[in-house]
């Protein structure tokens, strides 16, 4: 009886992944290459909060915009160190971050606030109070007798 070997189309890719990064793919990345976490949540249904963990960026590297109901957070940093004695670049690196979050209909885009502390950018989008649904009264017409109840005497 022949040996049956299950074909795994990703085995070679996984082997390369282990070779370059080890078993823990994201833990093996250097600090400047770590993927930035982004948390999006509401607080008491009063406001939307977007927290972007950007420890490698300064406030001057970050732009926060709202365009057509979408919150956009962009960060870009480019560093360059030169050795003046040898006239060549010793180290050059760049990193960037980009997130888009569609804002809900009740977002009060005129009162959005952004605050950076300990490498975490916190953007707060308050909600406008939406008008309560209007109750529509149903008015009945004149009382009429139904055809089944009306009878004619002959």
N, C-alpha and C. Protein backbone atom coordinates (compact mmCIF):
# COMPACT_ATOMS: atom_id res chain seq x y z
N UNK A 1 0.85 -1.17 0.00
CA UNK A 1 0.00 0.00 0.00
C UNK A 1 0.90 1.24 0.00
N UNK A 2 0.64 2.19 -0.90
CA UNK A 2 1.48 3.38 -0.99
C UNK A 2 1.23 4.31 0.20
N UNK A 3 2.29 5.04 0.54
CA UNK A 3 2.15 6.04 1.61
C UNK A 3 1.39 7.23 1.06
N UNK A 4 0.41 7.70 1.81
CA UNK A 4 -0.36 8.88 1.42
C UNK A 4 0.16 10.06 2.21
N UNK A 5 0.59 11.08 1.49
CA UNK A 5 1.10 12.28 2.12
C UNK A 5 0.14 13.42 1.82
N UNK A 6 -0.32 14.03 2.87
CA UNK A 6 -1.25 15.16 2.69
C UNK A 6 -0.47 16.36 2.16
N UNK A 7 -0.98 16.97 1.10
CA UNK A 7 -0.34 18.12 0.48
C UNK A 7 -0.75 19.38 1.23
N UNK A 8 0.23 20.15 1.65
CA UNK A 8 -0.03 21.42 2.33
C UNK A 8 0.57 22.53 1.47
N UNK A 9 -0.29 23.30 0.79
CA UNK A 9 0.22 24.33 -0.11
C UNK A 9 0.97 25.46 0.61
N UNK A 10 0.78 25.58 1.93
CA UNK A 10 1.41 26.66 2.66
C UNK A 10 2.64 26.22 3.45
N UNK A 11 3.01 24.96 3.36
CA UNK A 11 4.13 24.44 4.15
C UNK A 11 5.43 25.18 3.83
N UNK A 12 5.69 25.40 2.57
CA UNK A 12 6.93 26.09 2.19
C UNK A 12 6.93 27.53 2.68
N UNK A 13 5.79 28.19 2.58
CA UNK A 13 5.66 29.56 3.05
C UNK A 13 5.86 29.63 4.57
N UNK A 14 5.29 28.67 5.29
CA UNK A 14 5.47 28.64 6.74
C UNK A 14 6.92 28.37 7.12
N UNK A 15 7.59 27.54 6.35
CA UNK A 15 9.01 27.27 6.62
C UNK A 15 9.83 28.54 6.44
N UNK A 16 9.55 29.31 5.39
CA UNK A 16 10.26 30.57 5.17
C UNK A 16 9.96 31.56 6.30
N UNK A 17 8.71 31.59 6.72
CA UNK A 17 8.29 32.49 7.80
C UNK A 17 9.07 32.16 9.07
N UNK A 18 9.19 30.86 9.41
CA UNK A 18 9.94 30.47 10.60
C UNK A 18 11.42 30.79 10.46
N UNK A 19 11.94 30.63 9.23
CA UNK A 19 13.35 30.91 9.00
C UNK A 19 13.66 32.38 9.24
N UNK A 20 12.80 33.27 8.77
CA UNK A 20 13.06 34.71 8.90
C UNK A 20 12.63 35.28 10.24
N UNK A 21 11.49 34.83 10.76
CA UNK A 21 10.92 35.47 11.94
C UNK A 21 10.87 34.57 13.18
N UNK A 22 11.15 33.31 13.05
CA UNK A 22 11.00 32.39 14.17
C UNK A 22 9.55 31.96 14.28
N UNK A 23 9.19 31.35 15.39
CA UNK A 23 7.82 30.87 15.57
C UNK A 23 6.83 31.98 15.85
N UNK A 24 7.27 33.04 16.51
CA UNK A 24 6.38 34.14 16.86
C UNK A 24 6.58 35.27 15.85
N UNK A 25 5.75 35.31 14.83
CA UNK A 25 5.95 36.22 13.71
C UNK A 25 6.04 37.67 14.14
N UNK A 26 5.07 38.17 14.90
CA UNK A 26 5.04 39.59 15.20
C UNK A 26 5.94 39.95 16.37
N UNK A 27 6.19 39.03 17.27
CA UNK A 27 7.07 39.31 18.40
C UNK A 27 8.51 39.47 17.97
N UNK A 28 8.89 38.89 16.84
CA UNK A 28 10.28 38.93 16.39
C UNK A 28 10.63 40.21 15.64
N UNK A 29 9.64 41.01 15.31
CA UNK A 29 9.91 42.23 14.57
C UNK A 29 10.56 43.26 15.48
N UNK A 30 11.49 44.04 14.94
CA UNK A 30 12.09 45.11 15.74
C UNK A 30 11.03 46.13 16.15
N UNK A 31 11.31 46.90 17.18
CA UNK A 31 10.33 47.85 17.72
C UNK A 31 9.82 48.82 16.67
N UNK A 32 10.70 49.29 15.78
CA UNK A 32 10.26 50.27 14.78
C UNK A 32 9.39 49.64 13.69
N UNK A 33 9.31 48.31 13.65
CA UNK A 33 8.49 47.64 12.64
C UNK A 33 7.23 47.02 13.24
N UNK A 34 7.00 47.20 14.54
CA UNK A 34 5.81 46.63 15.17
C UNK A 34 4.56 47.25 14.54
N UNK A 35 3.53 46.43 14.41
CA UNK A 35 2.28 46.91 13.85
C UNK A 35 1.56 47.74 14.90
N UNK A 36 1.10 48.92 14.52
CA UNK A 36 0.44 49.82 15.46
C UNK A 36 -0.98 49.33 15.71
N UNK A 37 -1.35 49.24 16.98
CA UNK A 37 -2.71 48.83 17.34
C UNK A 37 -3.62 50.05 17.28
N UNK A 38 -4.85 49.83 16.84
CA UNK A 38 -5.85 50.88 16.79
C UNK A 38 -7.10 50.36 17.46
N UNK A 39 -7.61 51.08 18.44
CA UNK A 39 -8.84 50.72 19.14
C UNK A 39 -9.91 51.72 18.76
N UNK A 40 -11.10 51.22 18.40
CA UNK A 40 -12.24 52.07 18.06
C UNK A 40 -13.40 51.60 18.93
N UNK A 41 -13.95 52.51 19.74
CA UNK A 41 -15.05 52.14 20.63
C UNK A 41 -15.91 53.36 20.95
N UNK A 42 -17.09 53.12 21.54
CA UNK A 42 -17.95 54.22 21.97
C UNK A 42 -17.96 54.25 23.49
N UNK A 43 -18.15 55.45 24.01
CA UNK A 43 -18.26 55.64 25.45
C UNK A 43 -19.68 56.09 25.76
N UNK A 44 -20.43 55.25 26.43
CA UNK A 44 -21.80 55.55 26.86
C UNK A 44 -22.68 56.05 25.72
N UNK A 45 -22.44 55.61 24.53
CA UNK A 45 -23.20 56.05 23.35
C UNK A 45 -23.24 57.57 23.22
N UNK A 46 -22.24 58.25 23.79
CA UNK A 46 -22.15 59.70 23.69
C UNK A 46 -21.07 60.16 22.74
N UNK A 47 -20.05 59.30 22.52
CA UNK A 47 -18.95 59.69 21.66
C UNK A 47 -18.21 58.46 21.15
N UNK A 48 -17.57 58.65 20.01
CA UNK A 48 -16.72 57.62 19.42
C UNK A 48 -15.28 57.96 19.78
N UNK A 49 -14.51 56.95 20.16
CA UNK A 49 -13.11 57.16 20.52
C UNK A 49 -12.25 56.27 19.62
N UNK A 50 -11.22 56.87 19.04
CA UNK A 50 -10.24 56.13 18.24
C UNK A 50 -8.89 56.34 18.91
N UNK A 51 -8.27 55.23 19.33
CA UNK A 51 -6.95 55.30 19.95
C UNK A 51 -5.96 54.59 19.04
N UNK A 52 -4.94 55.32 18.61
CA UNK A 52 -3.88 54.75 17.78
C UNK A 52 -2.60 54.75 18.61
N UNK A 53 -2.02 53.57 18.77
CA UNK A 53 -0.80 53.43 19.56
C UNK A 53 0.40 53.67 18.63
N UNK A 54 0.99 54.85 18.78
CA UNK A 54 2.05 55.31 17.87
C UNK A 54 3.28 55.76 18.66
N UNK A 55 3.92 54.85 19.40
CA UNK A 55 5.04 55.29 20.24
C UNK A 55 6.24 55.80 19.45
N UNK A 56 6.38 55.41 18.19
CA UNK A 56 7.55 55.82 17.41
C UNK A 56 7.36 57.18 16.72
N UNK A 57 6.18 57.80 16.89
CA UNK A 57 5.90 59.08 16.23
C UNK A 57 5.74 60.20 17.25
N UNK A 58 6.13 61.41 16.82
CA UNK A 58 5.90 62.62 17.61
C UNK A 58 4.65 63.30 17.07
N UNK A 59 4.11 64.23 17.85
CA UNK A 59 2.90 64.96 17.42
C UNK A 59 3.10 65.62 16.06
N UNK A 60 4.28 66.14 15.81
CA UNK A 60 4.54 66.83 14.53
C UNK A 60 4.51 65.89 13.33
N UNK A 61 4.63 64.58 13.58
CA UNK A 61 4.62 63.59 12.50
C UNK A 61 3.21 63.14 12.12
N UNK A 62 2.19 63.56 12.89
CA UNK A 62 0.84 63.01 12.76
C UNK A 62 -0.13 64.05 12.23
N UNK A 63 -1.00 63.63 11.30
CA UNK A 63 -2.08 64.47 10.79
C UNK A 63 -3.41 63.76 11.03
N UNK A 64 -4.39 64.51 11.55
CA UNK A 64 -5.74 63.98 11.76
C UNK A 64 -6.68 64.86 10.95
N UNK A 65 -7.45 64.23 10.05
CA UNK A 65 -8.38 64.97 9.18
C UNK A 65 -9.73 64.27 9.16
N UNK A 66 -10.76 65.05 8.82
CA UNK A 66 -12.07 64.47 8.55
C UNK A 66 -12.44 64.91 7.15
N UNK A 67 -12.78 63.92 6.31
CA UNK A 67 -13.12 64.19 4.92
C UNK A 67 -14.32 63.33 4.53
N UNK A 68 -15.42 63.97 4.19
CA UNK A 68 -16.64 63.27 3.76
C UNK A 68 -17.09 62.19 4.73
N UNK A 69 -17.12 62.52 6.02
CA UNK A 69 -17.59 61.59 7.02
C UNK A 69 -16.61 60.48 7.38
N UNK A 70 -15.33 60.66 7.02
CA UNK A 70 -14.31 59.66 7.33
C UNK A 70 -13.18 60.33 8.12
N UNK A 71 -12.85 59.74 9.27
CA UNK A 71 -11.72 60.20 10.06
C UNK A 71 -10.46 59.54 9.51
N UNK A 72 -9.45 60.35 9.20
CA UNK A 72 -8.20 59.83 8.65
C UNK A 72 -7.05 60.20 9.59
N UNK A 73 -6.28 59.19 9.96
CA UNK A 73 -5.09 59.41 10.79
C UNK A 73 -3.90 58.97 9.97
N UNK A 74 -2.96 59.90 9.76
CA UNK A 74 -1.75 59.61 8.99
C UNK A 74 -0.54 60.03 9.80
N UNK A 75 0.46 59.18 9.81
CA UNK A 75 1.71 59.51 10.48
C UNK A 75 2.86 59.07 9.60
N UNK A 76 3.86 59.92 9.49
CA UNK A 76 5.02 59.57 8.69
C UNK A 76 6.26 60.17 9.33
N UNK A 77 7.29 59.35 9.37
CA UNK A 77 8.54 59.78 9.99
C UNK A 77 9.68 59.32 9.10
N UNK A 78 10.59 60.22 8.86
CA UNK A 78 11.76 59.90 8.04
C UNK A 78 12.98 60.40 8.81
N UNK A 79 13.89 59.48 9.10
CA UNK A 79 15.10 59.84 9.84
C UNK A 79 16.32 59.57 9.00
N UNK A 80 17.29 60.45 9.17
CA UNK A 80 18.52 60.32 8.39
C UNK A 80 19.67 60.81 9.25
N UNK A 81 20.65 59.96 9.45
CA UNK A 81 21.86 60.34 10.18
C UNK A 81 23.02 60.32 9.20
N UNK A 82 23.82 61.36 9.23
CA UNK A 82 24.96 61.42 8.32
C UNK A 82 26.26 61.51 9.11
N UNK A 83 27.26 60.91 8.57
CA UNK A 83 28.60 61.02 9.13
C UNK A 83 29.30 62.13 8.34
N UNK A 84 29.46 63.28 8.96
CA UNK A 84 30.02 64.45 8.28
C UNK A 84 31.47 64.23 7.83
N UNK A 85 32.21 63.40 8.54
CA UNK A 85 33.61 63.18 8.19
C UNK A 85 33.75 62.38 6.91
N UNK A 86 32.86 61.42 6.70
CA UNK A 86 33.00 60.54 5.54
C UNK A 86 32.08 60.92 4.38
N UNK A 87 31.18 61.84 4.61
CA UNK A 87 30.29 62.35 3.56
C UNK A 87 29.37 61.29 2.95
N UNK A 88 28.90 60.38 3.76
CA UNK A 88 27.90 59.43 3.26
C UNK A 88 26.87 59.16 4.35
N UNK A 89 25.74 58.64 3.95
CA UNK A 89 24.65 58.38 4.90
C UNK A 89 24.96 57.13 5.69
N UNK A 90 24.90 57.23 7.00
CA UNK A 90 25.15 56.09 7.87
C UNK A 90 23.86 55.31 8.08
N UNK A 91 22.80 56.01 8.34
CA UNK A 91 21.53 55.34 8.66
C UNK A 91 20.37 56.16 8.13
N UNK A 92 19.45 55.49 7.46
CA UNK A 92 18.25 56.16 6.96
C UNK A 92 17.08 55.22 7.16
N UNK A 93 16.00 55.73 7.73
CA UNK A 93 14.82 54.89 7.95
C UNK A 93 13.56 55.74 7.82
N UNK A 94 12.47 55.07 7.52
CA UNK A 94 11.19 55.76 7.48
C UNK A 94 10.13 54.79 7.96
N UNK A 95 9.10 55.35 8.55
CA UNK A 95 7.97 54.54 8.98
C UNK A 95 6.71 55.36 8.76
N UNK A 96 5.60 54.66 8.55
CA UNK A 96 4.34 55.36 8.32
C UNK A 96 3.19 54.59 8.92
N UNK A 97 2.08 55.28 9.10
CA UNK A 97 0.87 54.71 9.67
C UNK A 97 -0.30 55.39 8.98
N UNK A 98 -1.35 54.63 8.67
CA UNK A 98 -2.54 55.20 8.02
C UNK A 98 -3.76 54.41 8.44
N UNK A 99 -4.78 55.10 8.93
CA UNK A 99 -6.05 54.46 9.26
C UNK A 99 -7.19 55.37 8.83
N UNK A 100 -8.28 54.73 8.37
CA UNK A 100 -9.51 55.45 8.01
C UNK A 100 -10.64 54.82 8.82
N UNK A 101 -11.47 55.67 9.43
CA UNK A 101 -12.61 55.19 10.20
C UNK A 101 -13.84 55.97 9.73
N UNK A 102 -14.82 55.24 9.20
CA UNK A 102 -16.07 55.88 8.78
C UNK A 102 -16.83 56.31 10.03
N UNK A 103 -17.23 57.58 10.06
CA UNK A 103 -17.92 58.12 11.23
C UNK A 103 -19.42 57.89 11.10
N UNK A 104 -20.10 57.67 12.23
CA UNK A 104 -21.56 57.48 12.17
C UNK A 104 -22.28 58.78 11.83
N UNK A 105 -23.52 58.65 11.45
CA UNK A 105 -24.35 59.79 11.03
C UNK A 105 -24.43 60.87 12.10
N UNK A 106 -24.48 60.47 13.36
CA UNK A 106 -24.65 61.44 14.44
C UNK A 106 -23.34 62.07 14.92
N UNK A 107 -22.22 61.83 14.22
CA UNK A 107 -20.93 62.40 14.62
C UNK A 107 -20.96 63.92 14.52
N UNK A 108 -20.50 64.58 15.55
CA UNK A 108 -20.41 66.04 15.58
C UNK A 108 -18.99 66.41 15.14
N UNK A 109 -18.79 66.47 13.83
CA UNK A 109 -17.44 66.67 13.28
C UNK A 109 -16.86 68.04 13.61
N UNK A 110 -17.67 68.97 14.04
CA UNK A 110 -17.17 70.30 14.41
C UNK A 110 -16.52 70.34 15.78
N UNK A 111 -16.69 69.30 16.58
CA UNK A 111 -16.15 69.30 17.94
C UNK A 111 -15.22 68.12 18.21
N UNK A 112 -14.52 67.65 17.20
CA UNK A 112 -13.58 66.54 17.35
C UNK A 112 -12.32 67.05 18.07
N UNK A 113 -11.82 66.22 19.00
CA UNK A 113 -10.61 66.58 19.73
C UNK A 113 -9.60 65.46 19.61
N UNK A 114 -8.31 65.84 19.52
CA UNK A 114 -7.22 64.86 19.46
C UNK A 114 -6.21 65.21 20.53
N UNK A 115 -5.70 64.15 21.18
CA UNK A 115 -4.74 64.34 22.28
C UNK A 115 -3.71 63.22 22.21
N UNK A 116 -2.44 63.59 22.35
CA UNK A 116 -1.34 62.61 22.30
C UNK A 116 -0.70 62.54 23.67
N UNK A 117 -0.63 61.30 24.22
CA UNK A 117 0.01 61.13 25.52
C UNK A 117 0.62 59.74 25.60
N UNK A 118 1.88 59.68 26.00
CA UNK A 118 2.62 58.41 26.16
C UNK A 118 2.55 57.54 24.91
N UNK A 119 2.64 58.15 23.73
CA UNK A 119 2.66 57.39 22.49
C UNK A 119 1.30 56.93 22.00
N UNK A 120 0.22 57.38 22.66
CA UNK A 120 -1.13 57.00 22.24
C UNK A 120 -1.87 58.25 21.79
N UNK A 121 -2.30 58.24 20.52
CA UNK A 121 -3.12 59.32 19.99
C UNK A 121 -4.57 58.95 20.28
N UNK A 122 -5.29 59.84 20.96
CA UNK A 122 -6.70 59.60 21.29
C UNK A 122 -7.53 60.67 20.61
N UNK A 123 -8.39 60.23 19.67
CA UNK A 123 -9.28 61.14 18.95
C UNK A 123 -10.69 60.88 19.47
N UNK A 124 -11.34 61.94 19.94
CA UNK A 124 -12.70 61.83 20.49
C UNK A 124 -13.67 62.56 19.57
N UNK A 125 -14.69 61.84 19.12
CA UNK A 125 -15.71 62.40 18.23
C UNK A 125 -17.05 62.35 18.97
N UNK A 126 -17.52 63.52 19.48
CA UNK A 126 -18.80 63.50 20.19
C UNK A 126 -19.96 63.26 19.22
N UNK A 127 -21.05 62.76 19.77
CA UNK A 127 -22.26 62.53 18.98
C UNK A 127 -23.23 63.67 19.20
N UNK A 128 -23.90 64.07 18.14
CA UNK A 128 -24.99 65.05 18.24
C UNK A 128 -26.23 64.31 18.74
N UNK A 129 -27.06 65.04 19.45
CA UNK A 129 -28.32 64.44 19.86
C UNK A 129 -29.24 64.46 18.65
N UNK A 130 -29.67 63.29 18.28
CA UNK A 130 -30.60 63.19 17.16
C UNK A 130 -32.01 63.40 17.68
N UNK A 131 -32.85 64.05 16.89
CA UNK A 131 -34.22 64.24 17.35
C UNK A 131 -34.91 62.88 17.53
N UNK A 132 -35.76 62.83 18.56
CA UNK A 132 -36.51 61.60 18.80
C UNK A 132 -37.50 61.39 17.66
N UNK A 133 -37.80 60.15 17.36
CA UNK A 133 -38.78 59.91 16.30
C UNK A 133 -40.12 60.56 16.64
N UNK A 134 -40.74 61.12 15.66
CA UNK A 134 -42.01 61.80 15.86
C UNK A 134 -43.14 60.79 15.74
N UNK A 135 -43.99 60.77 16.75
CA UNK A 135 -45.13 59.86 16.76
C UNK A 135 -46.22 60.49 15.90
N UNK A 136 -46.75 59.73 14.98
CA UNK A 136 -47.81 60.20 14.08
C UNK A 136 -49.12 59.57 14.54
N UNK A 137 -50.08 60.43 14.83
CA UNK A 137 -51.39 59.93 15.25
C UNK A 137 -52.15 59.44 14.02
N UNK A 138 -52.90 58.40 14.22
CA UNK A 138 -53.71 57.85 13.14
C UNK A 138 -55.15 58.28 13.40
N UNK A 139 -55.70 59.04 12.48
CA UNK A 139 -57.07 59.50 12.61
C UNK A 139 -57.98 58.57 11.82
N UNK A 140 -59.06 58.14 12.46
CA UNK A 140 -60.04 57.29 11.77
C UNK A 140 -61.02 58.15 10.99
N UNK A 141 -61.54 57.60 9.90
CA UNK A 141 -62.52 58.33 9.10
C UNK A 141 -63.90 58.17 9.71
N UNK A 142 -64.93 58.60 8.99
CA UNK A 142 -66.32 58.47 9.46
C UNK A 142 -66.66 56.99 9.56
N UNK A 143 -67.48 56.65 10.57
CA UNK A 143 -67.86 55.26 10.73
C UNK A 143 -68.78 54.86 9.60
N UNK A 144 -68.46 53.76 9.02
CA UNK A 144 -69.32 53.26 7.94
C UNK A 144 -69.61 51.80 8.23
N UNK A 145 -70.72 51.37 7.72
CA UNK A 145 -71.08 49.97 7.95
C UNK A 145 -70.45 49.13 6.87
N UNK A 146 -70.06 47.95 7.25
CA UNK A 146 -69.44 47.08 6.28
C UNK A 146 -70.52 46.42 5.44
N UNK A 147 -70.21 46.02 4.20
CA UNK A 147 -71.21 45.43 3.31
C UNK A 147 -71.83 44.16 3.90
N UNK A 148 -71.08 43.42 4.69
CA UNK A 148 -71.62 42.18 5.23
C UNK A 148 -72.71 42.46 6.26
N UNK A 149 -72.60 43.60 6.97
CA UNK A 149 -73.57 43.90 8.01
C UNK A 149 -74.80 44.59 7.47
N UNK A 150 -74.69 45.23 6.37
CA UNK A 150 -75.85 45.93 5.85
C UNK A 150 -76.76 44.94 5.14
N UNK A 151 -77.99 45.05 5.44
CA UNK A 151 -78.97 44.16 4.77
C UNK A 151 -80.13 45.00 4.31
N UNK A 152 -80.65 44.65 3.19
CA UNK A 152 -81.77 45.39 2.61
C UNK A 152 -83.03 44.55 2.79
N UNK A 153 -84.08 45.20 3.19
CA UNK A 153 -85.36 44.51 3.32
C UNK A 153 -86.06 44.58 1.98
N UNK A 154 -86.61 43.48 1.57
CA UNK A 154 -87.32 43.44 0.29
C UNK A 154 -88.76 43.25 0.51
